[in-house]
Amino acid sequence: PFNIASAIIEKMLHLELPITDMFFMVQLEVAQR
């Protein structure tokens, strides 16, 4: 969701789990940031 994409990504990065990789569709502006 465009309005909470950054918050979701931050939460995923903080999960204390063995994540291999992540693939997201986001606003182009968010991807550029």
PDB file of all heavy atoms in Angstrom:
ATOM      1  N   PRO A   1       0.849  -1.202   0.000  1.00  0.00           N
ATOM      2  CA  PRO A   1       0.000   0.000   0.000  1.00  0.00           C
ATOM      3  C   PRO A   1       0.880   1.247   0.000  1.00  0.00           C
ATOM      4  O   PRO A   1       1.836   1.344   0.782  1.00  0.00           O
ATOM      5  CB  PRO A   1      -0.792  -0.123   1.309  1.00  0.00           C
ATOM      6  CG  PRO A   1      -0.764  -1.587   1.640  1.00  0.00           C
ATOM      7  CD  PRO A   1       0.561  -2.078   1.142  1.00  0.00           C
ATOM      8  N   PHE A   2       0.579   2.186  -0.865  1.00  0.00           N
ATOM      9  CA  PHE A   2       1.439   3.356  -1.027  1.00  0.00           C
ATOM     10  C   PHE A   2       1.641   4.131   0.269  1.00  0.00           C
ATOM     11  O   PHE A   2       2.724   4.642   0.533  1.00  0.00           O
ATOM     12  CB  PHE A   2       0.843   4.294  -2.091  1.00  0.00           C
ATOM     13  CG  PHE A   2       1.131   3.863  -3.504  1.00  0.00           C
ATOM     14  CD1 PHE A   2       1.708   2.637  -3.780  1.00  0.00           C
ATOM     15  CD2 PHE A   2       0.831   4.706  -4.566  1.00  0.00           C
ATOM     16  CE1 PHE A   2       1.966   2.233  -5.084  1.00  0.00           C
ATOM     17  CE2 PHE A   2       1.090   4.315  -5.882  1.00  0.00           C
ATOM     18  CZ  PHE A   2       1.671   3.072  -6.133  1.00  0.00           C
ATOM     19  N   ASN A   3       0.586   4.228   1.079  1.00  0.00           N
ATOM     20  CA  ASN A   3       0.657   5.118   2.244  1.00  0.00           C
ATOM     21  C   ASN A   3       1.452   4.560   3.414  1.00  0.00           C
ATOM     22  O   ASN A   3       1.796   5.307   4.337  1.00  0.00           O
ATOM     23  CB  ASN A   3      -0.753   5.504   2.704  1.00  0.00           C
ATOM     24  CG  ASN A   3      -1.626   4.294   2.986  1.00  0.00           C
ATOM     25  OD1 ASN A   3      -1.278   3.167   2.658  1.00  0.00           O
ATOM     26  ND2 ASN A   3      -2.777   4.523   3.608  1.00  0.00           N
ATOM     27  N   ILE A   4       1.770   3.264   3.415  1.00  0.00           N
ATOM     28  CA  ILE A   4       2.516   2.696   4.540  1.00  0.00           C
ATOM     29  C   ILE A   4       3.681   1.817   4.073  1.00  0.00           C
ATOM     30  O   ILE A   4       4.191   1.009   4.842  1.00  0.00           O
ATOM     31  CB  ILE A   4       1.600   1.885   5.480  1.00  0.00           C
ATOM     32  CG1 ILE A   4       0.830   0.800   4.704  1.00  0.00           C
ATOM     33  CG2 ILE A   4       0.656   2.792   6.240  1.00  0.00           C
ATOM     34  CD1 ILE A   4       0.075  -0.162   5.617  1.00  0.00           C
ATOM     35  N   ALA A   5       4.108   1.984   2.841  1.00  0.00           N
ATOM     36  CA  ALA A   5       5.163   1.126   2.291  1.00  0.00           C
ATOM     37  C   ALA A   5       6.450   1.216   3.105  1.00  0.00           C
ATOM     38  O   ALA A   5       7.066   0.189   3.426  1.00  0.00           O
ATOM     39  CB  ALA A   5       5.426   1.496   0.834  1.00  0.00           C
ATOM     40  N   SER A   6       6.875   2.423   3.452  1.00  0.00           N
ATOM     41  CA  SER A   6       8.125   2.590   4.200  1.00  0.00           C
ATOM     42  C   SER A   6       8.048   1.931   5.567  1.00  0.00           C
ATOM     43  O   SER A   6       8.995   1.275   6.014  1.00  0.00           O
ATOM     44  CB  SER A   6       8.455   4.082   4.356  1.00  0.00           C
ATOM     45  OG  SER A   6       8.672   4.678   3.098  1.00  0.00           O
ATOM     46  N   ALA A   7       6.912   2.086   6.233  1.00  0.00           N
ATOM     47  CA  ALA A   7       6.739   1.483   7.556  1.00  0.00           C
ATOM     48  C   ALA A   7       6.773  -0.043   7.475  1.00  0.00           C
ATOM     49  O   ALA A   7       7.348  -0.712   8.346  1.00  0.00           O
ATOM     50  CB  ALA A   7       5.422   1.948   8.177  1.00  0.00           C
ATOM     51  N   ILE A   8       6.165  -0.608   6.424  1.00  0.00           N
ATOM     52  CA  ILE A   8       6.177  -2.061   6.259  1.00  0.00           C
ATOM     53  C   ILE A   8       7.602  -2.558   6.026  1.00  0.00           C
ATOM     54  O   ILE A   8       8.040  -3.546   6.634  1.00  0.00           O
ATOM     55  CB  ILE A   8       5.267  -2.470   5.085  1.00  0.00           C
ATOM     56  CG1 ILE A   8       3.806  -2.218   5.434  1.00  0.00           C
ATOM     57  CG2 ILE A   8       5.480  -3.951   4.739  1.00  0.00           C
ATOM     58  CD1 ILE A   8       2.847  -2.451   4.277  1.00  0.00           C
ATOM     59  N   ILE A   9       8.332  -1.880   5.170  1.00  0.00           N
ATOM     60  CA  ILE A   9       9.706  -2.294   4.873  1.00  0.00           C
ATOM     61  C   ILE A   9      10.565  -2.247   6.129  1.00  0.00           C
ATOM     62  O   ILE A   9      11.339  -3.162   6.410  1.00  0.00           O
ATOM     63  CB  ILE A   9      10.299  -1.416   3.764  1.00  0.00           C
ATOM     64  CG1 ILE A   9       9.603  -1.725   2.432  1.00  0.00           C
ATOM     65  CG2 ILE A   9      11.808  -1.638   3.634  1.00  0.00           C
ATOM     66  CD1 ILE A   9       9.958  -0.769   1.312  1.00  0.00           C
ATOM     67  N   GLU A  10      10.418  -1.183   6.908  1.00  0.00           N
ATOM     68  CA  GLU A  10      11.185  -1.085   8.151  1.00  0.00           C
ATOM     69  C   GLU A  10      10.847  -2.236   9.097  1.00  0.00           C
ATOM     70  O   GLU A  10      11.733  -2.811   9.740  1.00  0.00           O
ATOM     71  CB  GLU A  10      10.924   0.265   8.828  1.00  0.00           C
ATOM     72  CG  GLU A  10      11.728   1.403   8.248  1.00  0.00           C
ATOM     73  CD  GLU A  10      11.843   2.572   9.213  1.00  0.00           C
ATOM     74  OE1 GLU A  10      12.517   2.425  10.247  1.00  0.00           O
ATOM     75  OE2 GLU A  10      11.235   3.628   8.930  1.00  0.00           O
ATOM     76  N   LYS A  11       9.577  -2.569   9.198  1.00  0.00           N
ATOM     77  CA  LYS A  11       9.185  -3.677  10.083  1.00  0.00           C
ATOM     78  C   LYS A  11       9.808  -4.985   9.609  1.00  0.00           C
ATOM     79  O   LYS A  11      10.312  -5.767  10.423  1.00  0.00           O
ATOM     80  CB  LYS A  11       7.666  -3.809  10.148  1.00  0.00           C
ATOM     81  CG  LYS A  11       7.227  -4.999  11.016  1.00  0.00           C
ATOM     82  CD  LYS A  11       5.746  -5.036  11.299  1.00  0.00           C
ATOM     83  CE  LYS A  11       5.401  -6.229  12.193  1.00  0.00           C
ATOM     84  NZ  LYS A  11       3.996  -6.245  12.630  1.00  0.00           N
ATOM     85  N   MET A  12       9.788  -5.233   8.318  1.00  0.00           N
ATOM     86  CA  MET A  12      10.362  -6.475   7.791  1.00  0.00           C
ATOM     87  C   MET A  12      11.865  -6.552   8.057  1.00  0.00           C
ATOM     88  O   MET A  12      12.397  -7.616   8.371  1.00  0.00           O
ATOM     89  CB  MET A  12      10.096  -6.586   6.287  1.00  0.00           C
ATOM     90  CG  MET A  12       8.638  -6.610   5.911  1.00  0.00           C
ATOM     91  SD  MET A  12       7.723  -7.953   6.704  1.00  0.00           S
ATOM     92  CE  MET A  12       6.165  -7.153   7.028  1.00  0.00           C
ATOM     93  N   LEU A  13      12.529  -5.422   7.944  1.00  0.00           N
ATOM     94  CA  LEU A  13      13.974  -5.397   8.174  1.00  0.00           C
ATOM     95  C   LEU A  13      14.325  -5.637   9.636  1.00  0.00           C
ATOM     96  O   LEU A  13      15.462  -6.012   9.946  1.00  0.00           O
ATOM     97  CB  LEU A  13      14.556  -4.063   7.713  1.00  0.00           C
ATOM     98  CG  LEU A  13      14.578  -3.818   6.200  1.00  0.00           C
ATOM     99  CD1 LEU A  13      15.024  -2.387   5.907  1.00  0.00           C
ATOM    100  CD2 LEU A  13      15.491  -4.812   5.505  1.00  0.00           C
ATOM    101  N   HIS A  14      13.357  -5.438  10.520  1.00  0.00           N
ATOM    102  CA  HIS A  14      13.609  -5.626  11.944  1.00  0.00           C
ATOM    103  C   HIS A  14      13.141  -6.977  12.471  1.00  0.00           C
ATOM    104  O   HIS A  14      13.306  -7.268  13.657  1.00  0.00           O
ATOM    105  CB  HIS A  14      12.949  -4.505  12.750  1.00  0.00           C
ATOM    106  CG  HIS A  14      13.674  -3.196  12.666  1.00  0.00           C
ATOM    107  ND1 HIS A  14      13.479  -2.310  11.638  1.00  0.00           N
ATOM    108  CD2 HIS A  14      14.611  -2.641  13.473  1.00  0.00           C
ATOM    109  CE1 HIS A  14      14.247  -1.255  11.820  1.00  0.00           C
ATOM    110  NE2 HIS A  14      14.946  -1.430  12.923  1.00  0.00           N
ATOM    111  N   LEU A  15      12.557  -7.790  11.605  1.00  0.00           N
ATOM    112  CA  LEU A  15      12.136  -9.116  12.053  1.00  0.00           C
ATOM    113  C   LEU A  15      13.368  -9.957  12.406  1.00  0.00           C
ATOM    114  O   LEU A  15      14.296 -10.066  11.618  1.00  0.00           O
ATOM    115  CB  LEU A  15      11.337  -9.824  10.957  1.00  0.00           C
ATOM    116  CG  LEU A  15       9.913  -9.344  10.697  1.00  0.00           C
ATOM    117  CD1 LEU A  15       9.303 -10.130   9.545  1.00  0.00           C
ATOM    118  CD2 LEU A  15       9.045  -9.492  11.944  1.00  0.00           C
ATOM    119  N   GLU A  16      13.361 -10.537  13.564  1.00  0.00           N
ATOM    120  CA  GLU A  16      14.489 -11.377  13.980  1.00  0.00           C
ATOM    121  C   GLU A  16      14.268 -12.796  13.452  1.00  0.00           C
ATOM    122  O   GLU A  16      14.072 -13.747  14.206  1.00  0.00           O
ATOM    123  CB  GLU A  16      14.615 -11.352  15.495  1.00  0.00           C
ATOM    124  CG  GLU A  16      14.943  -9.964  16.045  1.00  0.00           C
ATOM    125  CD  GLU A  16      14.992  -9.929  17.553  1.00  0.00           C
ATOM    126  OE1 GLU A  16      14.622 -10.950  18.193  1.00  0.00           O
ATOM    127  OE2 GLU A  16      15.401  -8.900  18.109  1.00  0.00           O
ATOM    128  N   LEU A  17      14.290 -12.889  12.130  1.00  0.00           N
ATOM    129  CA  LEU A  17      14.052 -14.151  11.446  1.00  0.00           C
ATOM    130  C   LEU A  17      15.039 -14.297  10.291  1.00  0.00           C
ATOM    131  O   LEU A  17      15.534 -13.294   9.770  1.00  0.00           O
ATOM    132  CB  LEU A  17      12.615 -14.187  10.902  1.00  0.00           C
ATOM    133  CG  LEU A  17      11.484 -14.255  11.933  1.00  0.00           C
ATOM    134  CD1 LEU A  17      10.145 -14.050  11.247  1.00  0.00           C
ATOM    135  CD2 LEU A  17      11.501 -15.581  12.678  1.00  0.00           C
ATOM    136  N   PRO A  18      15.316 -15.527   9.860  1.00  0.00           N
ATOM    137  CA  PRO A  18      16.299 -15.747   8.779  1.00  0.00           C
ATOM    138  C   PRO A  18      15.715 -15.475   7.399  1.00  0.00           C
ATOM    139  O   PRO A  18      15.525 -16.388   6.581  1.00  0.00           O
ATOM    140  CB  PRO A  18      16.661 -17.224   8.961  1.00  0.00           C
ATOM    141  CG  PRO A  18      15.414 -17.851   9.496  1.00  0.00           C
ATOM    142  CD  PRO A  18      14.822 -16.810  10.423  1.00  0.00           C
ATOM    143  N   ILE A  19      15.429 -14.215   7.111  1.00  0.00           N
ATOM    144  CA  ILE A  19      14.857 -13.842   5.817  1.00  0.00           C
ATOM    145  C   ILE A  19      15.945 -13.910   4.749  1.00  0.00           C
ATOM    146  O   ILE A  19      17.024 -13.333   4.906  1.00  0.00           O
ATOM    147  CB  ILE A  19      14.270 -12.422   5.869  1.00  0.00           C
ATOM    148  CG1 ILE A  19      13.178 -12.332   6.950  1.00  0.00           C
ATOM    149  CG2 ILE A  19      13.709 -12.016   4.518  1.00  0.00           C
ATOM    150  CD1 ILE A  19      12.726 -10.913   7.234  1.00  0.00           C
ATOM    151  N   THR A  20      15.649 -14.600   3.657  1.00  0.00           N
ATOM    152  CA  THR A  20      16.603 -14.692   2.545  1.00  0.00           C
ATOM    153  C   THR A  20      16.560 -13.448   1.686  1.00  0.00           C
ATOM    154  O   THR A  20      17.593 -12.823   1.421  1.00  0.00           O
ATOM    155  CB  THR A  20      16.307 -15.931   1.683  1.00  0.00           C
ATOM    156  OG1 THR A  20      16.446 -17.102   2.485  1.00  0.00           O
ATOM    157  CG2 THR A  20      17.273 -16.011   0.500  1.00  0.00           C
ATOM    158  N   ASP A  21      15.353 -13.071   1.252  1.00  0.00           N
ATOM    159  CA  ASP A  21      15.217 -11.884   0.417  1.00  0.00           C
ATOM    160  C   ASP A  21      13.779 -11.381   0.448  1.00  0.00           C
ATOM    161  O   ASP A  21      12.881 -12.050   0.972  1.00  0.00           O
ATOM    162  CB  ASP A  21      15.666 -12.156  -1.023  1.00  0.00           C
ATOM    163  CG  ASP A  21      15.071 -13.443  -1.606  1.00  0.00           C
ATOM    164  OD1 ASP A  21      13.998 -13.867  -1.126  1.00  0.00           O
ATOM    165  OD2 ASP A  21      15.671 -14.022  -2.518  1.00  0.00           O
ATOM    166  N   MET A  22      13.583 -10.174  -0.112  1.00  0.00           N
ATOM    167  CA  MET A  22      12.261  -9.551  -0.146  1.00  0.00           C
ATOM    168  C   MET A  22      12.086  -8.880  -1.504  1.00  0.00           C
ATOM    169  O   MET A  22      13.040  -8.330  -2.065  1.00  0.00           O
ATOM    170  CB  MET A  22      12.112  -8.520   0.977  1.00  0.00           C
ATOM    171  CG  MET A  22      12.416  -9.063   2.367  1.00  0.00           C
ATOM    172  SD  MET A  22      11.943  -7.943   3.715  1.00  0.00           S
ATOM    173  CE  MET A  22      12.982  -6.507   3.378  1.00  0.00           C
ATOM    174  N   PHE A  23      10.855  -8.910  -2.012  1.00  0.00           N
ATOM    175  CA  PHE A  23      10.534  -8.333  -3.307  1.00  0.00           C
ATOM    176  C   PHE A  23       9.257  -7.512  -3.174  1.00  0.00           C
ATOM    177  O   PHE A  23       8.202  -8.065  -2.864  1.00  0.00           O
ATOM    178  CB  PHE A  23      10.332  -9.436  -4.352  1.00  0.00           C
ATOM    179  CG  PHE A  23      11.526 -10.332  -4.530  1.00  0.00           C
ATOM    180  CD1 PHE A  23      11.724 -11.414  -3.692  1.00  0.00           C
ATOM    181  CD2 PHE A  23      12.443 -10.085  -5.535  1.00  0.00           C
ATOM    182  CE1 PHE A  23      12.826 -12.245  -3.845  1.00  0.00           C
ATOM    183  CE2 PHE A  23      13.545 -10.901  -5.703  1.00  0.00           C
ATOM    184  CZ  PHE A  23      13.746 -11.989  -4.859  1.00  0.00           C
ATOM    185  N   PHE A  24       9.354  -6.207  -3.420  1.00  0.00           N
ATOM    186  CA  PHE A  24       8.199  -5.347  -3.212  1.00  0.00           C
ATOM    187  C   PHE A  24       7.922  -4.465  -4.425  1.00  0.00           C
ATOM    188  O   PHE A  24       8.845  -4.062  -5.141  1.00  0.00           O
ATOM    189  CB  PHE A  24       8.409  -4.438  -2.001  1.00  0.00           C
ATOM    190  CG  PHE A  24       8.525  -5.175  -0.695  1.00  0.00           C
ATOM    191  CD1 PHE A  24       9.588  -4.938   0.156  1.00  0.00           C
ATOM    192  CD2 PHE A  24       7.568  -6.101  -0.309  1.00  0.00           C
ATOM    193  CE1 PHE A  24       9.697  -5.605   1.366  1.00  0.00           C
ATOM    194  CE2 PHE A  24       7.668  -6.780   0.896  1.00  0.00           C
ATOM    195  CZ  PHE A  24       8.743  -6.528   1.738  1.00  0.00           C
ATOM    196  N   MET A  25       6.648  -4.159  -4.611  1.00  0.00           N
ATOM    197  CA  MET A  25       6.214  -3.113  -5.535  1.00  0.00           C
ATOM    198  C   MET A  25       5.907  -1.887  -4.688  1.00  0.00           C
ATOM    199  O   MET A  25       5.119  -1.963  -3.734  1.00  0.00           O
ATOM    200  CB  MET A  25       4.962  -3.540  -6.291  1.00  0.00           C
ATOM    201  CG  MET A  25       4.418  -2.460  -7.220  1.00  0.00           C
ATOM    202  SD  MET A  25       5.145  -2.512  -8.843  1.00  0.00           S
ATOM    203  CE  MET A  25       4.344  -3.982  -9.489  1.00  0.00           C
ATOM    204  N   VAL A  26       6.533  -0.763  -5.026  1.00  0.00           N
ATOM    205  CA  VAL A  26       6.338   0.474  -4.268  1.00  0.00           C
ATOM    206  C   VAL A  26       6.242   1.642  -5.242  1.00  0.00           C
ATOM    207  O   VAL A  26       6.478   1.491  -6.450  1.00  0.00           O
ATOM    208  CB  VAL A  26       7.504   0.728  -3.291  1.00  0.00           C
ATOM    209  CG1 VAL A  26       7.585  -0.363  -2.236  1.00  0.00           C
ATOM    210  CG2 VAL A  26       8.838   0.839  -4.044  1.00  0.00           C
ATOM    211  N   GLN A  27       5.903   2.805  -4.723  1.00  0.00           N
ATOM    212  CA  GLN A  27       5.979   4.009  -5.534  1.00  0.00           C
ATOM    213  C   GLN A  27       7.409   4.176  -6.040  1.00  0.00           C
ATOM    214  O   GLN A  27       8.375   3.900  -5.320  1.00  0.00           O
ATOM    215  CB  GLN A  27       5.601   5.237  -4.711  1.00  0.00           C
ATOM    216  CG  GLN A  27       4.118   5.495  -4.589  1.00  0.00           C
ATOM    217  CD  GLN A  27       3.850   6.766  -3.816  1.00  0.00           C
ATOM    218  OE1 GLN A  27       3.829   6.739  -2.582  1.00  0.00           O
ATOM    219  NE2 GLN A  27       3.657   7.865  -4.494  1.00  0.00           N
ATOM    220  N   LEU A  28       7.550   4.667  -7.255  1.00  0.00           N
ATOM    221  CA  LEU A  28       8.885   4.885  -7.812  1.00  0.00           C
ATOM    222  C   LEU A  28       9.708   5.799  -6.921  1.00  0.00           C
ATOM    223  O   LEU A  28      10.908   5.578  -6.714  1.00  0.00           O
ATOM    224  CB  LEU A  28       8.763   5.481  -9.216  1.00  0.00           C
ATOM    225  CG  LEU A  28      10.078   5.817  -9.925  1.00  0.00           C
ATOM    226  CD1 LEU A  28      10.960   4.595 -10.071  1.00  0.00           C
ATOM    227  CD2 LEU A  28       9.788   6.450 -11.296  1.00  0.00           C
ATOM    228  N   GLU A  29       9.063   6.803  -6.359  1.00  0.00           N
ATOM    229  CA  GLU A  29       9.765   7.735  -5.477  1.00  0.00           C
ATOM    230  C   GLU A  29      10.337   7.029  -4.256  1.00  0.00           C
ATOM    231  O   GLU A  29      11.458   7.321  -3.819  1.00  0.00           O
ATOM    232  CB  GLU A  29       8.819   8.857  -5.025  1.00  0.00           C
ATOM    233  CG  GLU A  29       9.462   9.856  -4.081  1.00  0.00           C
ATOM    234  CD  GLU A  29       8.473  10.870  -3.534  1.00  0.00           C
ATOM    235  OE1 GLU A  29       7.304  10.864  -3.972  1.00  0.00           O
ATOM    236  OE2 GLU A  29       8.875  11.664  -2.670  1.00  0.00           O
ATOM    237  N   VAL A  30       9.593   6.093  -3.685  1.00  0.00           N
ATOM    238  CA  VAL A  30      10.078   5.345  -2.523  1.00  0.00           C
ATOM    239  C   VAL A  30      11.265   4.473  -2.915  1.00  0.00           C
ATOM    240  O   VAL A  30      12.265   4.394  -2.198  1.00  0.00           O
ATOM    241  CB  VAL A  30       8.951   4.480  -1.921  1.00  0.00           C
ATOM    242  CG1 VAL A  30       9.484   3.567  -0.820  1.00  0.00           C
ATOM    243  CG2 VAL A  30       7.843   5.377  -1.376  1.00  0.00           C
ATOM    244  N   ALA A  31      11.176   3.822  -4.065  1.00  0.00           N
ATOM    245  CA  ALA A  31      12.289   3.007  -4.545  1.00  0.00           C
ATOM    246  C   ALA A  31      13.537   3.856  -4.739  1.00  0.00           C
ATOM    247  O   ALA A  31      14.652   3.441  -4.380  1.00  0.00           O
ATOM    248  CB  ALA A  31      11.909   2.329  -5.859  1.00  0.00           C
ATOM    249  N   GLN A  32      13.370   5.043  -5.280  1.00  0.00           N
ATOM    250  CA  GLN A  32      14.507   5.938  -5.498  1.00  0.00           C
ATOM    251  C   GLN A  32      15.124   6.378  -4.176  1.00  0.00           C
ATOM    252  O   GLN A  32      16.354   6.513  -4.075  1.00  0.00           O
ATOM    253  CB  GLN A  32      14.062   7.146  -6.320  1.00  0.00           C
ATOM    254  CG  GLN A  32      13.723   6.795  -7.761  1.00  0.00           C
ATOM    255  CD  GLN A  32      13.073   7.940  -8.522  1.00  0.00           C
ATOM    256  OE1 GLN A  32      12.433   8.823  -7.933  1.00  0.00           O
ATOM    257  NE2 GLN A  32      13.217   7.939  -9.840  1.00  0.00           N
ATOM    258  N   ARG A  33      14.291   6.596  -3.169  1.00  0.00           N
ATOM    259  CA  ARG A  33      14.816   6.979  -1.856  1.00  0.00           C
ATOM    260  C   ARG A  33      15.612   5.837  -1.234  1.00  0.00           C
ATOM    261  O   ARG A  33      16.668   6.043  -0.637  1.00  0.00           O
ATOM    262  CB  ARG A  33      13.661   7.383  -0.939  1.00  0.00           C
ATOM    263  CG  ARG A  33      13.078   8.757  -1.234  1.00  0.00           C
ATOM    264  CD  ARG A  33      11.768   8.949  -0.518  1.00  0.00           C
ATOM    265  NE  ARG A  33      11.872   8.655   0.900  1.00  0.00           N
ATOM    266  CZ  ARG A  33      10.842   8.341   1.682  1.00  0.00           C
ATOM    267  NH1 ARG A  33       9.630   8.251   1.164  1.00  0.00           N
ATOM    268  NH2 ARG A  33      11.026   8.103   2.952  1.00  0.00           N
TER     269      ARG A  33
END
